[in-house]
N, C-alpha and C. Protein backbone atom coordinates (compact mmCIF):
# COMPACT_ATOMS: atom_id res chain seq x y z
N MET A 1 108.43 107.82 70.89
CA MET A 1 108.70 107.98 72.31
C MET A 1 108.26 106.72 73.05
N LYS A 2 109.13 106.21 73.91
CA LYS A 2 108.82 105.00 74.66
C LYS A 2 108.18 105.34 75.99
N THR A 3 107.30 104.45 76.43
CA THR A 3 106.68 104.61 77.74
C THR A 3 107.66 104.14 78.80
N GLN A 4 107.84 104.94 79.83
CA GLN A 4 108.74 104.60 80.91
C GLN A 4 107.99 103.90 82.03
N PHE A 5 108.45 102.73 82.42
CA PHE A 5 107.86 102.01 83.53
C PHE A 5 108.84 102.04 84.70
N PRO A 6 108.34 102.33 85.90
CA PRO A 6 109.25 102.32 87.05
C PRO A 6 109.66 100.89 87.40
N SER A 7 110.93 100.71 87.70
CA SER A 7 111.40 99.39 88.14
C SER A 7 111.60 99.44 89.65
N GLY A 8 112.06 98.36 90.23
CA GLY A 8 112.20 98.26 91.68
C GLY A 8 113.08 99.32 92.29
N LYS A 9 114.18 99.67 91.63
CA LYS A 9 115.08 100.68 92.19
C LYS A 9 114.57 102.10 92.00
N ASP A 10 113.64 102.30 91.06
CA ASP A 10 113.11 103.65 90.79
C ASP A 10 111.96 104.03 91.72
N ILE A 11 111.33 103.04 92.34
CA ILE A 11 110.15 103.31 93.18
C ILE A 11 110.62 103.83 94.54
N VAL A 12 110.17 105.03 94.88
CA VAL A 12 110.50 105.64 96.16
C VAL A 12 109.29 105.46 97.08
N ARG A 13 109.50 104.76 98.19
CA ARG A 13 108.40 104.52 99.13
C ARG A 13 108.60 105.41 100.36
N THR A 14 107.61 106.21 100.64
CA THR A 14 107.64 107.04 101.84
C THR A 14 106.70 106.43 102.87
N TRP A 15 106.80 106.89 104.09
CA TRP A 15 105.94 106.43 105.17
C TRP A 15 104.89 107.49 105.44
N ARG A 16 103.63 107.10 105.51
CA ARG A 16 102.52 108.01 105.77
C ARG A 16 101.84 107.61 107.07
N LEU A 17 101.40 108.61 107.83
CA LEU A 17 100.73 108.39 109.12
C LEU A 17 99.32 108.94 109.03
N LEU A 18 98.33 108.09 109.27
CA LEU A 18 96.93 108.51 109.28
C LEU A 18 96.39 108.35 110.69
N ASP A 19 95.76 109.39 111.20
CA ASP A 19 95.14 109.35 112.53
C ASP A 19 93.66 109.08 112.34
N ALA A 20 93.19 107.93 112.84
CA ALA A 20 91.81 107.51 112.63
C ALA A 20 90.84 108.07 113.66
N GLU A 21 91.31 108.88 114.60
CA GLU A 21 90.43 109.40 115.64
C GLU A 21 89.36 110.29 115.01
N ASN A 22 88.08 109.95 115.24
CA ASN A 22 86.91 110.65 114.72
C ASN A 22 86.87 110.72 113.19
N ALA A 23 87.58 109.84 112.51
CA ALA A 23 87.53 109.76 111.05
C ALA A 23 86.50 108.70 110.66
N VAL A 24 85.76 108.95 109.60
CA VAL A 24 84.77 107.98 109.11
C VAL A 24 85.52 106.81 108.49
N LEU A 25 85.12 105.60 108.82
CA LEU A 25 85.85 104.40 108.43
C LEU A 25 86.03 104.28 106.92
N GLY A 26 84.99 104.47 106.15
CA GLY A 26 85.08 104.30 104.70
C GLY A 26 85.99 105.32 104.05
N ARG A 27 85.92 106.56 104.49
CA ARG A 27 86.78 107.60 103.92
C ARG A 27 88.24 107.35 104.27
N LEU A 28 88.47 106.94 105.51
CA LEU A 28 89.84 106.61 105.94
C LEU A 28 90.38 105.44 105.13
N ALA A 29 89.55 104.40 104.94
CA ALA A 29 89.99 103.20 104.22
C ALA A 29 90.29 103.51 102.76
N SER A 30 89.48 104.33 102.11
CA SER A 30 89.74 104.64 100.71
C SER A 30 91.01 105.48 100.56
N GLN A 31 91.25 106.37 101.51
CA GLN A 31 92.48 107.17 101.47
C GLN A 31 93.71 106.28 101.67
N ALA A 32 93.63 105.37 102.63
CA ALA A 32 94.76 104.46 102.89
C ALA A 32 94.98 103.52 101.70
N ALA A 33 93.91 103.02 101.09
CA ALA A 33 94.05 102.13 99.94
C ALA A 33 94.70 102.85 98.76
N THR A 34 94.35 104.12 98.56
CA THR A 34 94.97 104.91 97.49
C THR A 34 96.46 105.06 97.73
N LEU A 35 96.85 105.32 98.98
CA LEU A 35 98.26 105.46 99.31
C LEU A 35 99.01 104.14 99.15
N LEU A 36 98.39 103.03 99.56
CA LEU A 36 99.03 101.72 99.45
C LEU A 36 99.22 101.29 97.99
N MET A 37 98.26 101.63 97.13
CA MET A 37 98.37 101.27 95.72
C MET A 37 99.31 102.18 94.95
N GLY A 38 99.49 103.41 95.44
CA GLY A 38 100.36 104.36 94.75
C GLY A 38 99.63 105.22 93.74
N LYS A 39 98.30 105.29 93.83
CA LYS A 39 97.53 106.06 92.86
C LYS A 39 97.75 107.56 92.98
N HIS A 40 98.34 108.01 94.08
CA HIS A 40 98.60 109.43 94.26
C HIS A 40 99.90 109.86 93.59
N LYS A 41 100.64 108.93 93.02
CA LYS A 41 101.93 109.23 92.40
C LYS A 41 101.78 109.33 90.88
N PRO A 42 102.57 110.19 90.24
CA PRO A 42 102.49 110.28 88.78
C PRO A 42 103.00 109.02 88.08
N ALA A 43 103.83 108.23 88.73
CA ALA A 43 104.37 107.01 88.14
C ALA A 43 103.50 105.79 88.43
N TYR A 44 102.21 105.99 88.76
CA TYR A 44 101.32 104.86 89.08
C TYR A 44 101.20 103.93 87.88
N THR A 45 101.36 102.65 88.15
CA THR A 45 101.19 101.61 87.14
C THR A 45 100.32 100.53 87.76
N PRO A 46 99.21 100.16 87.11
CA PRO A 46 98.27 99.22 87.73
C PRO A 46 98.86 97.86 88.08
N PHE A 47 99.85 97.39 87.31
CA PHE A 47 100.38 96.04 87.55
C PHE A 47 101.66 96.04 88.36
N LEU A 48 102.04 97.20 88.94
CA LEU A 48 103.20 97.27 89.82
C LEU A 48 102.80 97.86 91.16
N ASP A 49 103.53 97.48 92.19
CA ASP A 49 103.29 98.04 93.52
C ASP A 49 104.17 99.27 93.69
N THR A 50 103.58 100.45 93.47
CA THR A 50 104.33 101.70 93.58
C THR A 50 103.93 102.48 94.82
N GLY A 51 103.16 101.87 95.71
CA GLY A 51 102.59 102.58 96.86
C GLY A 51 103.55 102.80 98.01
N ASP A 52 103.05 103.54 98.99
CA ASP A 52 103.82 103.90 100.18
C ASP A 52 103.43 103.00 101.35
N HIS A 53 104.23 103.07 102.42
CA HIS A 53 103.90 102.41 103.68
C HIS A 53 102.90 103.30 104.42
N VAL A 54 101.89 102.69 105.03
CA VAL A 54 100.85 103.44 105.73
C VAL A 54 100.76 102.94 107.17
N VAL A 55 100.80 103.88 108.12
CA VAL A 55 100.64 103.58 109.54
C VAL A 55 99.35 104.27 109.99
N VAL A 56 98.41 103.49 110.52
CA VAL A 56 97.15 104.04 111.01
C VAL A 56 97.16 103.94 112.53
N ILE A 57 96.97 105.08 113.20
CA ILE A 57 96.92 105.10 114.67
C ILE A 57 95.51 105.44 115.11
N ASN A 58 95.20 105.17 116.38
CA ASN A 58 93.89 105.41 116.99
C ASN A 58 92.78 104.68 116.25
N ALA A 59 93.02 103.46 115.83
CA ALA A 59 92.02 102.68 115.11
C ALA A 59 90.81 102.35 115.98
N ALA A 60 90.99 102.31 117.28
CA ALA A 60 89.87 102.02 118.18
C ALA A 60 88.88 103.17 118.24
N LYS A 61 89.28 104.37 117.80
CA LYS A 61 88.41 105.55 117.89
C LYS A 61 87.83 105.94 116.55
N VAL A 62 87.84 105.02 115.57
CA VAL A 62 87.28 105.30 114.26
C VAL A 62 85.76 105.43 114.38
N ARG A 63 85.17 106.25 113.50
CA ARG A 63 83.74 106.55 113.57
C ARG A 63 83.02 105.85 112.43
N LEU A 64 81.80 105.40 112.68
CA LEU A 64 80.96 104.82 111.65
C LEU A 64 79.66 105.61 111.57
N THR A 65 79.12 105.72 110.38
CA THR A 65 77.91 106.50 110.19
C THR A 65 76.69 105.58 110.21
N GLY A 66 75.54 106.18 110.36
CA GLY A 66 74.29 105.42 110.34
C GLY A 66 74.17 104.48 111.52
N ARG A 67 73.56 103.31 111.28
CA ARG A 67 73.33 102.34 112.34
C ARG A 67 74.29 101.15 112.23
N LYS A 68 75.45 101.37 111.62
CA LYS A 68 76.41 100.29 111.44
C LYS A 68 76.92 99.74 112.77
N GLU A 69 76.98 100.58 113.78
CA GLU A 69 77.44 100.13 115.10
C GLU A 69 76.58 98.98 115.62
N ASP A 70 75.29 98.99 115.28
CA ASP A 70 74.38 97.94 115.73
C ASP A 70 74.17 96.84 114.69
N GLN A 71 74.27 97.18 113.41
CA GLN A 71 73.87 96.25 112.36
C GLN A 71 75.00 95.53 111.64
N LYS A 72 76.20 96.10 111.61
CA LYS A 72 77.29 95.51 110.84
C LYS A 72 77.78 94.23 111.50
N VAL A 73 77.97 93.20 110.67
CA VAL A 73 78.40 91.89 111.15
C VAL A 73 79.62 91.44 110.35
N TYR A 74 80.64 90.96 111.04
CA TYR A 74 81.82 90.40 110.40
C TYR A 74 81.69 88.90 110.39
N ARG A 75 81.88 88.29 109.22
CA ARG A 75 81.73 86.84 109.08
C ARG A 75 83.04 86.22 108.63
N ARG A 76 83.31 85.04 109.16
CA ARG A 76 84.44 84.23 108.67
C ARG A 76 84.03 82.77 108.80
N HIS A 77 84.69 81.93 108.05
CA HIS A 77 84.34 80.51 108.04
C HIS A 77 85.61 79.68 108.17
N SER A 78 85.53 78.65 109.00
CA SER A 78 86.69 77.81 109.24
C SER A 78 86.94 76.82 108.10
N GLY A 79 85.94 76.62 107.26
CA GLY A 79 86.06 75.64 106.19
C GLY A 79 85.45 74.29 106.56
N HIS A 80 85.10 74.12 107.82
CA HIS A 80 84.47 72.89 108.28
C HIS A 80 82.95 73.09 108.31
N PRO A 81 82.17 72.01 108.24
CA PRO A 81 80.72 72.14 108.33
C PRO A 81 80.30 72.83 109.63
N GLY A 82 79.46 73.81 109.52
CA GLY A 82 79.00 74.54 110.69
C GLY A 82 80.04 75.50 111.24
N GLY A 83 81.03 75.84 110.45
CA GLY A 83 82.14 76.66 110.92
C GLY A 83 81.99 78.15 110.70
N LEU A 84 80.77 78.62 110.46
CA LEU A 84 80.54 80.04 110.25
C LEU A 84 80.57 80.77 111.59
N VAL A 85 81.38 81.83 111.67
CA VAL A 85 81.47 82.63 112.89
C VAL A 85 81.05 84.04 112.54
N GLU A 86 80.05 84.56 113.25
CA GLU A 86 79.58 85.93 113.04
C GLU A 86 79.84 86.74 114.29
N VAL A 87 80.46 87.91 114.10
CA VAL A 87 80.79 88.79 115.22
C VAL A 87 80.26 90.18 114.88
N GLY A 88 79.51 90.77 115.80
CA GLY A 88 79.01 92.11 115.59
C GLY A 88 80.11 93.15 115.75
N LEU A 89 79.85 94.35 115.24
CA LEU A 89 80.86 95.40 115.26
C LEU A 89 81.21 95.82 116.68
N ARG A 90 80.23 95.88 117.57
CA ARG A 90 80.52 96.28 118.96
C ARG A 90 81.50 95.32 119.63
N LYS A 91 81.28 94.01 119.44
CA LYS A 91 82.17 93.02 120.03
C LYS A 91 83.54 93.05 119.36
N MET A 92 83.57 93.27 118.05
CA MET A 92 84.83 93.35 117.33
C MET A 92 85.64 94.56 117.80
N ARG A 93 84.96 95.68 118.05
CA ARG A 93 85.65 96.88 118.53
C ARG A 93 86.22 96.64 119.94
N ALA A 94 85.51 95.85 120.75
CA ALA A 94 85.98 95.57 122.10
C ALA A 94 87.15 94.58 122.11
N THR A 95 87.13 93.59 121.22
CA THR A 95 88.15 92.55 121.24
C THR A 95 89.31 92.83 120.29
N HIS A 96 89.03 93.21 119.04
CA HIS A 96 90.06 93.44 118.02
C HIS A 96 89.79 94.75 117.29
N PRO A 97 90.06 95.90 117.90
CA PRO A 97 89.71 97.17 117.25
C PRO A 97 90.51 97.44 115.97
N THR A 98 91.70 96.89 115.85
CA THR A 98 92.48 97.15 114.64
C THR A 98 91.94 96.39 113.43
N ARG A 99 91.27 95.26 113.68
CA ARG A 99 90.75 94.44 112.59
C ARG A 99 89.65 95.16 111.80
N ILE A 100 88.93 96.09 112.44
CA ILE A 100 87.88 96.84 111.75
C ILE A 100 88.51 97.67 110.63
N VAL A 101 89.55 98.41 110.95
CA VAL A 101 90.22 99.26 109.97
C VAL A 101 90.98 98.41 108.95
N HIS A 102 91.65 97.37 109.41
CA HIS A 102 92.43 96.51 108.53
C HIS A 102 91.54 95.86 107.47
N ASP A 103 90.40 95.31 107.89
CA ASP A 103 89.50 94.65 106.95
C ASP A 103 88.88 95.62 105.96
N ALA A 104 88.58 96.85 106.41
CA ALA A 104 88.00 97.85 105.51
C ALA A 104 89.01 98.24 104.43
N ILE A 105 90.27 98.41 104.80
CA ILE A 105 91.29 98.77 103.83
C ILE A 105 91.58 97.59 102.90
N ALA A 106 91.65 96.38 103.46
CA ALA A 106 91.92 95.19 102.64
C ALA A 106 90.83 94.98 101.61
N GLY A 107 89.59 95.33 101.94
CA GLY A 107 88.49 95.18 101.00
C GLY A 107 88.56 96.13 99.83
N MET A 108 89.36 97.19 99.94
CA MET A 108 89.48 98.17 98.85
C MET A 108 90.74 97.96 98.01
N LEU A 109 91.52 96.96 98.31
CA LEU A 109 92.70 96.64 97.53
C LEU A 109 92.38 95.52 96.54
N PRO A 110 93.21 95.35 95.50
CA PRO A 110 92.97 94.26 94.54
C PRO A 110 93.01 92.90 95.22
N LYS A 111 92.17 91.99 94.74
CA LYS A 111 92.11 90.64 95.31
C LYS A 111 93.06 89.71 94.55
N THR A 112 94.34 90.08 94.50
CA THR A 112 95.34 89.32 93.77
C THR A 112 96.59 89.21 94.63
N LYS A 113 97.63 88.57 94.08
CA LYS A 113 98.91 88.50 94.77
C LYS A 113 99.46 89.91 95.00
N LEU A 114 99.24 90.79 94.03
CA LEU A 114 99.72 92.17 94.15
C LEU A 114 99.01 92.89 95.30
N GLY A 115 97.71 92.63 95.47
CA GLY A 115 96.96 93.23 96.57
C GLY A 115 97.46 92.75 97.92
N LYS A 116 97.81 91.47 98.02
CA LYS A 116 98.36 90.94 99.27
C LYS A 116 99.71 91.57 99.57
N HIS A 117 100.50 91.82 98.53
CA HIS A 117 101.79 92.47 98.71
C HIS A 117 101.62 93.92 99.18
N MET A 118 100.61 94.60 98.65
CA MET A 118 100.32 95.97 99.07
C MET A 118 99.88 96.01 100.53
N LEU A 119 99.10 95.03 100.94
CA LEU A 119 98.57 94.99 102.29
C LEU A 119 99.66 94.78 103.34
N ARG A 120 100.79 94.20 102.93
CA ARG A 120 101.91 94.01 103.86
C ARG A 120 102.54 95.33 104.29
N LYS A 121 102.26 96.39 103.55
CA LYS A 121 102.83 97.71 103.89
C LYS A 121 101.91 98.50 104.81
N LEU A 122 100.84 97.89 105.29
CA LEU A 122 99.89 98.55 106.19
C LEU A 122 100.16 98.12 107.63
N ARG A 123 100.21 99.10 108.53
CA ARG A 123 100.33 98.84 109.96
C ARG A 123 99.22 99.59 110.67
N VAL A 124 98.45 98.90 111.51
CA VAL A 124 97.33 99.50 112.22
C VAL A 124 97.54 99.31 113.71
N TYR A 125 97.35 100.40 114.48
CA TYR A 125 97.54 100.36 115.93
C TYR A 125 96.31 100.95 116.61
N PRO A 126 95.87 100.34 117.74
CA PRO A 126 94.64 100.81 118.40
C PRO A 126 94.82 102.16 119.09
N GLY A 127 95.99 102.46 119.59
CA GLY A 127 96.23 103.73 120.29
C GLY A 127 97.08 104.67 119.47
N ASP A 128 97.60 105.71 120.15
CA ASP A 128 98.39 106.70 119.41
C ASP A 128 99.88 106.39 119.42
N LYS A 129 100.29 105.29 120.02
CA LYS A 129 101.70 104.89 120.04
C LYS A 129 101.98 103.92 118.89
N HIS A 130 103.13 104.12 118.22
CA HIS A 130 103.54 103.19 117.18
C HIS A 130 105.07 103.13 117.15
N PRO A 131 105.65 102.00 116.74
CA PRO A 131 107.10 101.83 116.78
C PRO A 131 107.82 102.28 115.51
N HIS A 132 107.21 103.16 114.72
CA HIS A 132 107.79 103.55 113.44
C HIS A 132 108.27 105.00 113.43
N GLN A 133 108.70 105.51 114.59
CA GLN A 133 109.20 106.88 114.65
C GLN A 133 110.49 107.05 113.85
N ALA A 134 111.30 106.02 113.77
CA ALA A 134 112.58 106.11 113.07
C ALA A 134 112.39 106.33 111.56
N GLN A 135 111.25 105.90 111.02
CA GLN A 135 110.99 106.07 109.60
C GLN A 135 110.47 107.47 109.27
N LYS A 136 110.19 108.27 110.30
CA LYS A 136 109.68 109.64 110.16
C LYS A 136 108.47 109.72 109.23
N PRO A 137 107.35 109.09 109.64
CA PRO A 137 106.17 109.10 108.76
C PRO A 137 105.58 110.50 108.64
N LEU A 138 105.12 110.81 107.44
CA LEU A 138 104.50 112.09 107.14
C LEU A 138 103.03 112.04 107.55
N ALA A 139 102.63 112.89 108.49
CA ALA A 139 101.24 112.88 108.99
C ALA A 139 100.32 113.52 107.97
N LEU A 140 99.19 112.85 107.72
CA LEU A 140 98.19 113.34 106.79
C LEU A 140 96.86 113.44 107.50
N PRO A 141 96.00 114.39 107.12
CA PRO A 141 94.65 114.40 107.69
C PRO A 141 93.88 113.20 107.14
N ALA A 142 93.31 112.40 108.01
CA ALA A 142 92.67 111.15 107.60
C ALA A 142 91.16 111.28 107.49
N GLY A 143 90.63 110.81 106.38
CA GLY A 143 89.19 110.65 106.20
C GLY A 143 88.37 111.89 106.36
N LYS A 144 88.90 113.03 106.09
CA LYS A 144 88.13 114.27 106.25
C LYS A 144 87.44 114.63 104.96
């Protein structure tokens, strides 16, 4: 018996909608990463992108546990000497609320070309409005 591998035409991608309001960030991110990778499907293959499109709404209202609101720091570097930029979570939530959820989900995906391809299927919005009504996304309970 031969092992069947899904090819490009065999992969069915559905649209999923996750509401991040009052959802814990880590639980939401792991659920979204599982959907993006396709691990919830019986045809999951580690070296193929079999995942679905994920739309996350209300990213500005995501919840964090413990003292992360005061202690968590986001770091990036420009590549130039002295180019380290550190931004606290409170300021990040005020300026770029979608980046909190986006970075958490990106951190749970593979750090390869395949992971970057999976991340392109993620859309994050700060409020409850999104332009993907035509795709009829299936609403799922997020991070519960």
